[in-house]
C-alpha atoms as a PDB file:
ATOM      1  CA  MET A   1      18.590   7.641 -11.566  1.00  0.00           C
ATOM      2  CA  PRO A   2      19.139   3.977 -10.662  1.00  0.00           C
ATOM      3  CA  GLU A   3      16.699   1.340 -11.828  1.00  0.00           C
ATOM      4  CA  LEU A   4      13.620   1.378  -9.610  1.00  0.00           C
ATOM      5  CA  SER A   5      13.681  -2.032  -7.950  1.00  0.00           C
ATOM      6  CA  THR A   6      12.081  -1.254  -4.597  1.00  0.00           C
ATOM      7  CA  GLY A   7       8.355  -1.224  -3.949  1.00  0.00           C
ATOM      8  CA  TYR A   8       6.675   2.098  -3.266  1.00  0.00           C
ATOM      9  CA  GLY A   9       5.684   1.061   0.236  1.00  0.00           C
ATOM     10  CA  ALA A  10       9.292   0.329   1.157  1.00  0.00           C
ATOM     11  CA  LEU A  11      10.457   3.589  -0.399  1.00  0.00           C
ATOM     12  CA  VAL A  12       7.902   5.546   1.623  1.00  0.00           C
ATOM     13  CA  LEU A  13       9.117   3.836   4.796  1.00  0.00           C
ATOM     14  CA  VAL A  14      12.752   4.566   3.913  1.00  0.00           C
ATOM     15  CA  ALA A  15      11.910   8.201   3.164  1.00  0.00           C
ATOM     16  CA  SER A  16      10.019   8.612   6.434  1.00  0.00           C
ATOM     17  CA  LEU A  17      12.816   7.177   8.574  1.00  0.00           C
ATOM     18  CA  ALA A  18      15.500   9.118   6.692  1.00  0.00           C
ATOM     19  CA  TYR A  19      13.508  12.332   7.090  1.00  0.00           C
ATOM     20  CA  LEU A  20      13.284  11.814  10.852  1.00  0.00           C
ATOM     21  CA  LEU A  21      17.027  11.184  11.049  1.00  0.00           C
ATOM     22  CA  GLY A  22      17.787  14.222   8.932  1.00  0.00           C
ATOM     23  CA  SER A  23      15.492  16.416  11.013  1.00  0.00           C
ATOM     24  CA  VAL A  24      17.517  15.950  14.214  1.00  0.00           C
ATOM     25  CA  PRO A  25      18.822  19.516  14.857  1.00  0.00           C
ATOM     26  CA  PHE A  26      22.265  18.628  16.176  1.00  0.00           C
ATOM     27  CA  GLY A  27      23.399  22.250  16.311  1.00  0.00           C
ATOM     28  CA  VAL A  28      20.516  23.177  18.610  1.00  0.00           C
ATOM     29  CA  VAL A  29      21.010  20.074  20.755  1.00  0.00           C
ATOM     30  CA  ILE A  30      24.769  20.516  21.110  1.00  0.00           C
ATOM     31  CA  THR A  31      24.639  24.210  22.010  1.00  0.00           C
ATOM     32  CA  ARG A  32      21.978  23.556  24.641  1.00  0.00           C
ATOM     33  CA  VAL A  33      23.824  20.602  26.159  1.00  0.00           C
ATOM     34  CA  MET A  34      27.033  22.645  26.304  1.00  0.00           C
ATOM     35  CA  GLY A  35      25.269  25.610  27.874  1.00  0.00           C
ATOM     36  CA  LEU A  36      25.866  27.923  24.927  1.00  0.00           C
ATOM     37  CA  GLY A  37      22.278  29.144  24.702  1.00  0.00           C
ATOM     38  CA  ASP A  38      19.557  28.875  22.084  1.00  0.00           C
ATOM     39  CA  LEU A  39      21.307  28.701  18.710  1.00  0.00           C
ATOM     40  CA  ARG A  40      18.284  30.189  16.975  1.00  0.00           C
ATOM     41  CA  LYS A  41      18.873  33.419  18.921  1.00  0.00           C
ATOM     42  CA  ILE A  42      22.593  33.596  18.158  1.00  0.00           C
ATOM     43  CA  GLY A  43      24.192  35.188  15.096  1.00  0.00           C
ATOM     44  CA  SER A  44      22.168  34.423  11.985  1.00  0.00           C
ATOM     45  CA  GLY A  45      19.840  32.092  13.875  1.00  0.00           C
ATOM     46  CA  ASN A  46      20.755  29.234  11.554  1.00  0.00           C
ATOM     47  CA  ILE A  47      21.139  25.762  13.092  1.00  0.00           C
ATOM     48  CA  GLY A  48      24.288  24.787  11.170  1.00  0.00           C
ATOM     49  CA  ALA A  49      27.948  24.574  12.119  1.00  0.00           C
ATOM     50  CA  THR A  50      28.871  28.019  10.785  1.00  0.00           C
ATOM     51  CA  ASN A  51      26.446  29.671  13.191  1.00  0.00           C
ATOM     52  CA  VAL A  52      27.520  27.392  16.040  1.00  0.00           C
ATOM     53  CA  LEU A  53      31.038  28.732  15.473  1.00  0.00           C
ATOM     54  CA  ARG A  54      29.693  32.189  16.304  1.00  0.00           C
ATOM     55  CA  THR A  55      29.279  31.028  19.900  1.00  0.00           C
ATOM     56  CA  GLY A  56      33.070  30.927  20.048  1.00  0.00           C
ATOM     57  CA  ASN A  57      33.115  27.195  20.748  1.00  0.00           C
ATOM     58  CA  LYS A  58      35.064  25.447  17.987  1.00  0.00           C
ATOM     59  CA  ALA A  59      34.456  21.981  19.447  1.00  0.00           C
ATOM     60  CA  ALA A  60      30.688  22.511  19.310  1.00  0.00           C
ATOM     61  CA  ALA A  61      30.936  23.733  15.719  1.00  0.00           C
ATOM     62  CA  ALA A  62      33.071  20.737  14.709  1.00  0.00           C
ATOM     63  CA  ALA A  63      30.677  18.301  16.372  1.00  0.00           C
ATOM     64  CA  THR A  64      27.720  19.914  14.600  1.00  0.00           C
ATOM     65  CA  LEU A  65      29.507  19.722  11.249  1.00  0.00           C
ATOM     66  CA  VAL A  66      30.348  16.034  11.671  1.00  0.00           C
ATOM     67  CA  LEU A  67      26.915  15.008  12.939  1.00  0.00           C
ATOM     68  CA  ASP A  68      25.005  16.977  10.300  1.00  0.00           C
ATOM     69  CA  ALA A  69      27.116  15.311   7.610  1.00  0.00           C
ATOM     70  CA  ALA A  70      26.829  11.913   9.270  1.00  0.00           C
ATOM     71  CA  LYS A  71      23.045  11.887   9.380  1.00  0.00           C
ATOM     72  CA  GLY A  72      22.905  12.272   5.607  1.00  0.00           C
ATOM     73  CA  GLY A  73      25.591   9.663   5.058  1.00  0.00           C
ATOM     74  CA  ILE A  74      24.102   7.179   7.504  1.00  0.00           C
ATOM     75  CA  ALA A  75      20.677   7.465   5.895  1.00  0.00           C
ATOM     76  CA  VAL A  76      22.165   6.669   2.479  1.00  0.00           C
ATOM     77  CA  LEU A  77      24.426   3.832   3.615  1.00  0.00           C
ATOM     78  CA  THR A  78      21.740   2.165   5.725  1.00  0.00           C
ATOM     79  CA  ALA A  79      19.173   2.276   2.914  1.00  0.00           C
ATOM     80  CA  ARG A  80      21.721   0.923   0.445  1.00  0.00           C
ATOM     81  CA  ALA A  81      22.727  -1.929   2.765  1.00  0.00           C
ATOM     82  CA  LEU A  82      19.224  -2.936   3.807  1.00  0.00           C
ATOM     83  CA  VAL A  83      17.214  -2.174   0.663  1.00  0.00           C
ATOM     84  CA  ALA A  84      18.765  -1.089  -2.665  1.00  0.00           C
ATOM     85  CA  GLU A  85      20.456   1.748  -4.558  1.00  0.00           C
ATOM     86  CA  ASP A  86      17.186   3.464  -5.456  1.00  0.00           C
ATOM     87  CA  ALA A  87      16.262   3.504  -1.763  1.00  0.00           C
ATOM     88  CA  ALA A  88      19.672   5.019  -0.963  1.00  0.00           C
ATOM     89  CA  GLN A  89      18.965   7.985  -3.208  1.00  0.00           C
ATOM     90  CA  VAL A  90      15.488   8.411  -1.770  1.00  0.00           C
ATOM     91  CA  ALA A  91      16.984   8.297   1.719  1.00  0.00           C
ATOM     92  CA  GLY A  92      19.520  10.969   0.799  1.00  0.00           C
ATOM     93  CA  LEU A  93      16.847  13.329  -0.479  1.00  0.00           C
ATOM     94  CA  ALA A  94      14.579  12.683   2.514  1.00  0.00           C
ATOM     95  CA  ALA A  95      17.377  13.226   5.040  1.00  0.00           C
ATOM     96  CA  PHE A  96      18.280  16.479   3.298  1.00  0.00           C
ATOM     97  CA  LEU A  97      14.674  17.672   3.420  1.00  0.00           C
ATOM     98  CA  GLY A  98      14.569  16.691   7.080  1.00  0.00           C
ATOM     99  CA  HIS A  99      17.504  18.985   7.812  1.00  0.00           C
ATOM    100  CA  LEU A 100      16.015  21.851   5.819  1.00  0.00           C
ATOM    101  CA  PHE A 101      12.486  21.431   7.175  1.00  0.00           C
ATOM    102  CA  PRO A 102      12.644  19.649  10.575  1.00  0.00           C
ATOM    103  CA  VAL A 103       9.284  18.891  12.138  1.00  0.00           C
ATOM    104  CA  TRP A 104      10.774  19.497  15.603  1.00  0.00           C
ATOM    105  CA  LEU A 105      11.541  23.149  14.809  1.00  0.00           C
ATOM    106  CA  GLY A 106       8.354  24.090  12.999  1.00  0.00           C
ATOM    107  CA  PHE A 107       9.936  23.169   9.648  1.00  0.00           C
ATOM    108  CA  ARG A 108      12.544  25.944  10.022  1.00  0.00           C
ATOM    109  CA  GLY A 109      15.870  24.231   9.617  1.00  0.00           C
ATOM    110  CA  GLY A 110      19.360  24.724   8.274  1.00  0.00           C
ATOM    111  CA  LYS A 111      20.833  25.325   4.850  1.00  0.00           C
ATOM    112  CA  GLY A 112      21.990  21.768   4.351  1.00  0.00           C
ATOM    113  CA  VAL A 113      25.626  22.155   3.357  1.00  0.00           C
ATOM    114  CA  ALA A 114      27.145  19.582   5.746  1.00  0.00           C
ATOM    115  CA  THR A 115      24.284  17.160   5.107  1.00  0.00           C
ATOM    116  CA  PHE A 116      24.725  17.638   1.354  1.00  0.00           C
ATOM    117  CA  LEU A 117      28.413  16.758   1.626  1.00  0.00           C
ATOM    118  CA  GLY A 118      27.664  13.739   3.818  1.00  0.00           C
ATOM    119  CA  ILE A 119      25.170  12.455   1.268  1.00  0.00           C
ATOM    120  CA  LEU A 120      27.689  12.892  -1.552  1.00  0.00           C
ATOM    121  CA  LEU A 121      30.393  11.056   0.397  1.00  0.00           C
ATOM    122  CA  ALA A 122      28.047   8.124   0.988  1.00  0.00           C
ATOM    123  CA  LEU A 123      26.669   7.960  -2.554  1.00  0.00           C
ATOM    124  CA  ALA A 124      30.002   8.359  -4.373  1.00  0.00           C
ATOM    125  CA  TRP A 125      32.955   9.073  -2.101  1.00  0.00           C
ATOM    126  CA  PRO A 126      35.310  10.453  -4.822  1.00  0.00           C
ATOM    127  CA  VAL A 127      32.675  13.033  -5.719  1.00  0.00           C
ATOM    128  CA  GLY A 128      32.117  13.797  -2.059  1.00  0.00           C
ATOM    129  CA  LEU A 129      35.828  14.288  -1.449  1.00  0.00           C
ATOM    130  CA  ALA A 130      36.081  16.588  -4.473  1.00  0.00           C
ATOM    131  CA  ALA A 131      33.149  18.647  -3.199  1.00  0.00           C
ATOM    132  CA  CYS A 132      34.669  18.850   0.295  1.00  0.00           C
ATOM    133  CA  ALA A 133      37.986  19.929  -1.191  1.00  0.00           C
ATOM    134  CA  THR A 134      36.205  22.577  -3.256  1.00  0.00           C
ATOM    135  CA  TRP A 135      34.568  23.948  -0.112  1.00  0.00           C
ATOM    136  CA  ALA A 136      37.829  23.881   1.841  1.00  0.00           C
ATOM    137  CA  VAL A 137      39.895  25.630  -0.848  1.00  0.00           C
ATOM    138  CA  THR A 138      37.254  28.313  -1.415  1.00  0.00           C
ATOM    139  CA  ALA A 139      36.911  28.864   2.336  1.00  0.00           C
ATOM    140  CA  ALA A 140      40.674  29.161   2.744  1.00  0.00           C
ATOM    141  CA  VAL A 141      40.855  31.776  -0.010  1.00  0.00           C
ATOM    142  CA  THR A 142      37.701  33.813   0.695  1.00  0.00           C
ATOM    143  CA  ARG A 143      36.910  33.056   4.373  1.00  0.00           C
ATOM    144  CA  ILE A 144      33.236  33.096   3.408  1.00  0.00           C
ATOM    145  CA  SER A 145      31.319  29.935   4.290  1.00  0.00           C
ATOM    146  CA  SER A 146      28.262  30.606   2.133  1.00  0.00           C
ATOM    147  CA  LEU A 147      30.319  31.294  -0.995  1.00  0.00           C
ATOM    148  CA  SER A 148      32.305  28.121  -0.374  1.00  0.00           C
ATOM    149  CA  ALA A 149      29.069  26.141  -0.076  1.00  0.00           C
ATOM    150  CA  LEU A 150      27.589  27.625  -3.227  1.00  0.00           C
ATOM    151  CA  ILE A 151      30.694  26.934  -5.295  1.00  0.00           C
ATOM    152  CA  ALA A 152      31.030  23.403  -3.917  1.00  0.00           C
ATOM    153  CA  ALA A 153      27.385  22.673  -4.736  1.00  0.00           C
ATOM    154  CA  ALA A 154      27.623  24.206  -8.198  1.00  0.00           C
ATOM    155  CA  LEU A 155      30.713  22.169  -9.101  1.00  0.00           C
ATOM    156  CA  SER A 156      29.370  18.903  -7.687  1.00  0.00           C
ATOM    157  CA  SER A 157      27.666  18.024 -10.983  1.00  0.00           C
ATOM    158  CA  LEU A 158      30.962  18.566 -12.795  1.00  0.00           C
ATOM    159  CA  TRP A 159      32.699  16.179 -10.403  1.00  0.00           C
ATOM    160  CA  LEU A 160      29.940  13.641 -11.099  1.00  0.00           C
ATOM    161  CA  MET A 161      30.753  13.701 -14.783  1.00  0.00           C
ATOM    162  CA  LEU A 162      34.505  13.531 -14.225  1.00  0.00           C
ATOM    163  CA  PHE A 163      34.120  10.500 -11.953  1.00  0.00           C
ATOM    164  CA  SER A 164      31.480   8.837 -14.195  1.00  0.00           C
ATOM    165  CA  GLU A 165      28.782   8.959 -11.525  1.00  0.00           C
ATOM    166  CA  GLY A 166      25.951  10.175 -13.721  1.00  0.00           C
ATOM    167  CA  ARG A 167      23.537   7.774 -11.990  1.00  0.00           C
ATOM    168  CA  ILE A 168      23.111  10.313  -9.162  1.00  0.00           C
ATOM    169  CA  LEU A 169      23.032  13.428 -11.365  1.00  0.00           C
ATOM    170  CA  LEU A 170      19.300  14.118 -10.990  1.00  0.00           C
ATOM    171  CA  LEU A 171      19.468  13.852  -7.203  1.00  0.00           C
ATOM    172  CA  VAL A 172      22.534  16.088  -6.983  1.00  0.00           C
ATOM    173  CA  VAL A 173      20.953  18.712  -9.231  1.00  0.00           C
ATOM    174  CA  VAL A 174      17.861  18.756  -7.004  1.00  0.00           C
ATOM    175  CA  LEU A 175      19.988  19.069  -3.863  1.00  0.00           C
ATOM    176  CA  THR A 176      22.044  21.850  -5.468  1.00  0.00           C
ATOM    177  CA  VAL A 177      18.914  23.821  -6.360  1.00  0.00           C
ATOM    178  CA  LEU A 178      17.720  23.474  -2.753  1.00  0.00           C
ATOM    179  CA  VAL A 179      21.102  24.626  -1.429  1.00  0.00           C
ATOM    180  CA  TYR A 180      20.890  27.744  -3.605  1.00  0.00           C
ATOM    181  CA  ALA A 181      17.293  28.392  -2.578  1.00  0.00           C
ATOM    182  CA  ARG A 182      18.239  28.202   1.101  1.00  0.00           C
ATOM    183  CA  HIS A 183      21.151  30.587   0.467  1.00  0.00           C
ATOM    184  CA  TRP A 184      19.066  33.247  -1.268  1.00  0.00           C
ATOM    185  CA  ALA A 185      19.678  35.838   1.457  1.00  0.00           C
ATOM    186  CA  ASN A 186      23.390  35.002   1.417  1.00  0.00           C
ATOM    187  CA  LEU A 187      23.461  35.563  -2.340  1.00  0.00           C
ATOM    188  CA  GLN A 188      21.997  39.028  -1.846  1.00  0.00           C
ATOM    189  CA  ARG A 189      24.594  39.867   0.791  1.00  0.00           C
ATOM    190  CA  LEU A 190      27.379  38.517  -1.420  1.00  0.00           C
ATOM    191  CA  LYS A 191      26.246  40.824  -4.213  1.00  0.00           C
ATOM    192  CA  ALA A 192      26.158  43.726  -1.768  1.00  0.00           C
ATOM    193  CA  GLY A 193      29.549  42.846  -0.300  1.00  0.00           C
ATOM    194  CA  THR A 194      28.118  42.511   3.212  1.00  0.00           C
ATOM    195  CA  GLU A 195      28.346  38.757   3.743  1.00  0.00           C
ATOM    196  CA  PRO A 196      30.203  38.039   7.023  1.00  0.00           C
ATOM    197  CA  LYS A 197      33.334  35.930   7.021  1.00  0.00           C
ATOM    198  CA  ILE A 198      33.892  32.680   8.882  1.00  0.00           C
ATOM    199  CA  GLY A 199      34.112  33.258  12.631  1.00  0.00           C
ATOM    200  CA  ALA A 200      32.413  36.666  12.547  1.00  0.00           C
ATOM    201  CA  LYS A 201      29.878  37.176  15.314  1.00  0.00           C
ATOM    202  CA  THR A 202      27.125  38.361  12.978  1.00  0.00           C
END
């Protein structure tokens, strides 16, 4: 953790604003605007890019991926620029929680993978790039999005150590635990060998 240099009032404000940014359900918004239907009634019902891809619209899925990552990154970079490093980490956590538990959707949100990667890129871009590469390589080999996410999250702490970014270790461990918690059903399907591959309709 960085040295706490920001007052609690300012940190609460940063967390609140970052949460609201993170809670914007871009997948739901994009699919509705593009006339693709209610994302929560498609495929797995998840609001992330992988489920958007099940609509058959790759552009919508790509836009969701970029925007979900960007909201985490923007929250971190804005807090760092306007406040301090401790506020940046608070903003990252709050934005992530916003994506997982958005007030606009009755606190039923996504699994946070894109937002997690966006936060990592903003906090320590070499670590973020390594995590993105881990996801991409695993996805190319297995064609399973959830497994790629789980491996990328699990190895993120290793990348932190390799790139001497231990200052964000606690935050990354917390985010990783949340990613695994949100993927509990995926873990069960992976064990059973029934997890769908990228692009599958269900």
